[in-house]
Protein backbone atom coordinates (compact mmCIF):
# COMPACT_ATOMS: atom_id res chain seq x y z
CA UNK A 1 44.07 15.34 -10.49
CA UNK A 2 45.44 18.20 -8.42
CA UNK A 3 43.49 19.20 -5.32
CA UNK A 4 44.27 22.42 -3.53
CA UNK A 5 43.19 22.80 0.04
CA UNK A 6 41.90 26.28 0.59
CA UNK A 7 39.98 28.04 3.30
CA UNK A 8 36.79 26.93 1.55
CA UNK A 9 37.69 23.25 1.51
CA UNK A 10 34.86 20.82 2.22
CA UNK A 11 35.51 17.26 3.47
CA UNK A 12 33.52 15.67 0.63
CA UNK A 13 35.85 17.23 -1.98
CA UNK A 14 38.54 14.66 -1.21
CA UNK A 15 36.72 11.38 -1.21
CA UNK A 16 38.81 8.17 -1.46
CA UNK A 17 37.75 7.48 -5.05
CA UNK A 18 38.99 10.87 -6.32
CA UNK A 19 42.37 10.15 -4.74
CA UNK A 20 42.61 6.76 -6.45
CA UNK A 21 41.98 4.81 -3.25
CA UNK A 22 39.61 1.90 -2.87
CA UNK A 23 36.88 3.02 -0.43
CA UNK A 24 36.27 -0.57 0.71
CA UNK A 25 39.96 -1.01 1.51
CA UNK A 26 39.91 2.16 3.59
CA UNK A 27 36.72 0.98 5.31
CA UNK A 28 38.45 -2.24 6.31
CA UNK A 29 41.32 -0.33 7.92
CA UNK A 30 38.84 1.84 9.79
CA UNK A 31 36.97 -1.27 10.96
CA UNK A 32 40.25 -2.78 12.17
CA UNK A 33 41.03 0.49 13.94
CA UNK A 34 37.67 0.42 15.73
CA UNK A 35 38.29 -3.20 16.70
CA UNK A 36 41.72 -2.26 18.06
CA UNK A 37 40.23 0.51 20.21
CA UNK A 38 37.52 -1.85 21.44
CA UNK A 39 40.19 -4.41 22.32
CA UNK A 40 42.07 -1.86 24.42
CA UNK A 41 38.87 -0.73 26.12
CA UNK A 42 37.82 -4.28 27.00
CA UNK A 43 41.23 -5.18 28.41
CA UNK A 44 41.32 -2.06 30.58
CA UNK A 45 37.77 -2.64 31.84
CA UNK A 46 38.45 -6.30 32.61
CA UNK A 47 41.64 -5.37 34.43
CA UNK A 48 39.82 -2.73 36.48
CA UNK A 49 37.03 -5.14 37.40
CA UNK A 50 39.53 -7.85 38.32
CA UNK A 51 41.74 -5.60 40.46
CA UNK A 52 38.88 -3.79 42.20
CA UNK A 53 36.99 -6.90 43.29
CA UNK A 54 37.92 -9.38 45.98
CA UNK A 55 37.07 -13.03 46.39
CA UNK A 56 34.69 -14.20 45.00
CA UNK A 57 35.59 -12.28 41.87
CA UNK A 58 33.24 -11.54 39.03
CA UNK A 59 35.84 -12.83 36.53
CA UNK A 60 38.93 -14.95 37.05
CA UNK A 61 37.79 -16.54 40.29
CA UNK A 62 38.82 -20.09 39.35
CA UNK A 63 42.43 -19.29 38.33
CA UNK A 64 43.16 -15.65 39.29
CA UNK A 65 46.88 -15.79 38.43
CA UNK A 66 46.19 -17.16 34.95
CA UNK A 67 43.50 -14.53 34.44
CA UNK A 68 45.79 -11.64 35.45
CA UNK A 69 48.78 -12.86 33.44
CA UNK A 70 46.55 -13.39 30.38
CA UNK A 71 45.15 -9.88 30.75
CA UNK A 72 48.62 -8.36 30.99
CA UNK A 73 49.82 -10.23 27.90
CA UNK A 74 46.63 -9.34 26.01
CA UNK A 75 47.10 -5.68 26.98
CA UNK A 76 50.63 -5.74 25.53
CA UNK A 77 49.37 -7.22 22.27
CA UNK A 78 46.46 -4.78 22.21
CA UNK A 79 48.81 -1.80 22.49
CA UNK A 80 51.18 -3.24 19.88
CA UNK A 81 48.23 -4.02 17.61
CA UNK A 82 46.86 -0.49 17.96
CA UNK A 83 50.22 0.95 16.91
CA UNK A 84 50.42 -1.47 13.98
CA UNK A 85 46.93 -0.49 12.86
CA UNK A 86 47.78 3.21 13.15
CA UNK A 87 50.89 2.70 10.98
CA UNK A 88 49.02 0.29 8.68
CA UNK A 89 51.78 -2.29 8.78
CA UNK A 90 51.92 -5.23 8.08
CA UNK A 91 49.36 -5.95 5.37
CA UNK A 92 45.69 -5.66 6.31
CA UNK A 93 44.78 -9.35 6.17
CA UNK A 94 47.98 -10.55 7.87
CA UNK A 95 47.53 -8.10 10.75
CA UNK A 96 43.83 -8.93 11.10
CA UNK A 97 44.50 -12.67 11.16
CA UNK A 98 47.27 -12.32 13.75
CA UNK A 99 45.23 -10.08 16.06
CA UNK A 100 42.09 -12.17 15.68
CA UNK A 101 43.94 -15.38 16.49
CA UNK A 102 45.43 -13.78 19.58
CA UNK A 103 42.04 -12.35 20.62
CA UNK A 104 40.49 -15.81 20.40
CA UNK A 105 43.32 -17.35 22.41
CA UNK A 106 43.12 -14.62 25.06
CA UNK A 107 39.33 -14.73 25.45
CA UNK A 108 39.34 -18.54 25.62
CA UNK A 109 42.07 -18.45 28.30
CA UNK A 110 40.18 -15.79 30.27
CA UNK A 111 36.95 -17.80 30.00
CA UNK A 112 38.63 -20.96 31.26
CA UNK A 113 40.25 -19.03 34.12
CA UNK A 114 36.81 -17.66 35.00
CA UNK A 115 35.06 -21.02 35.10
CA UNK A 116 34.17 -21.69 31.47
CA UNK A 117 31.36 -20.44 29.30
CA UNK A 118 29.11 -19.77 32.30
CA UNK A 119 31.21 -16.70 33.19
CA UNK A 120 29.87 -14.83 30.15
CA UNK A 121 33.30 -13.62 29.06
CA UNK A 122 33.21 -15.91 26.04
CA UNK A 123 30.55 -13.62 24.54
CA UNK A 124 33.40 -11.32 23.56
CA UNK A 125 34.29 -13.85 20.88
CA UNK A 126 31.17 -12.85 18.94
CA UNK A 127 32.40 -9.27 18.68
CA UNK A 128 35.97 -10.14 17.74
CA UNK A 129 35.07 -12.85 15.22
CA UNK A 130 32.26 -10.72 13.79
CA UNK A 131 34.54 -7.69 13.52
CA UNK A 132 37.19 -9.80 11.83
CA UNK A 133 34.52 -11.08 9.46
CA UNK A 134 34.03 -7.55 8.11
CA UNK A 135 37.68 -7.42 7.14
CA UNK A 136 38.61 -10.96 6.12
CA UNK A 137 37.25 -13.15 3.36
CA UNK A 138 34.18 -15.23 4.25
CA UNK A 139 36.24 -18.43 4.26
CA UNK A 140 38.77 -16.98 6.71
CA UNK A 141 35.95 -15.61 8.89
CA UNK A 142 34.44 -19.10 9.00
CA UNK A 143 37.86 -20.55 9.83
CA UNK A 144 38.28 -18.21 12.80
CA UNK A 145 34.73 -18.84 13.96
CA UNK A 146 35.49 -22.56 14.02
CA UNK A 147 38.71 -21.96 15.95
CA UNK A 148 36.76 -19.94 18.52
CA UNK A 149 34.17 -22.70 18.81
CA UNK A 150 36.78 -25.41 19.33
CA UNK A 151 38.66 -23.18 21.80
CA UNK A 152 35.71 -23.13 24.15
C-alpha cells in the first residue's frame, strides 16, 4: 500500500494497522516512553527537594549521602533509559524489565535512606510497577510486584 503525503494529509490516514504495525506494540512503546519521562521528572524533583532543604530534610534525612548518591545514579540510568526508549533498542520487554528492576532498586534504596516506608517515597513503586504491568506479561508484572514488596 503506497501512501503519499500531500498538503491535504490527515493524521488518521496513516494509522498503525495500515502500515502493517501492531497498534498494541506501538502502545507499549508509548507507555514505556511516558514512564521514562515520568522517571526523569521524579528524579529531578526529588533532587531539587533534597538540595533545597536543610536538616531535617523531607527525604533522605536518615542517610543523606546514600540518598544523594542513589539519586545521581538513578538520574544517569533515567537519562540512558530515555535514550534507549527513544531509539527503541534493545527489545521492548528486555528494556522494560531492566528499567523496572532498577526503578525498584532505586526507590527501595531511597525509601530506606529516608527512614523506611513512613517517608512516603515507596509509593512511587505503585506507579513504576503499574506502568511496567501495562507493558509486560501478567506473570512478569506479578514477579516485579513481588520484588518490590520484598525490597521494602
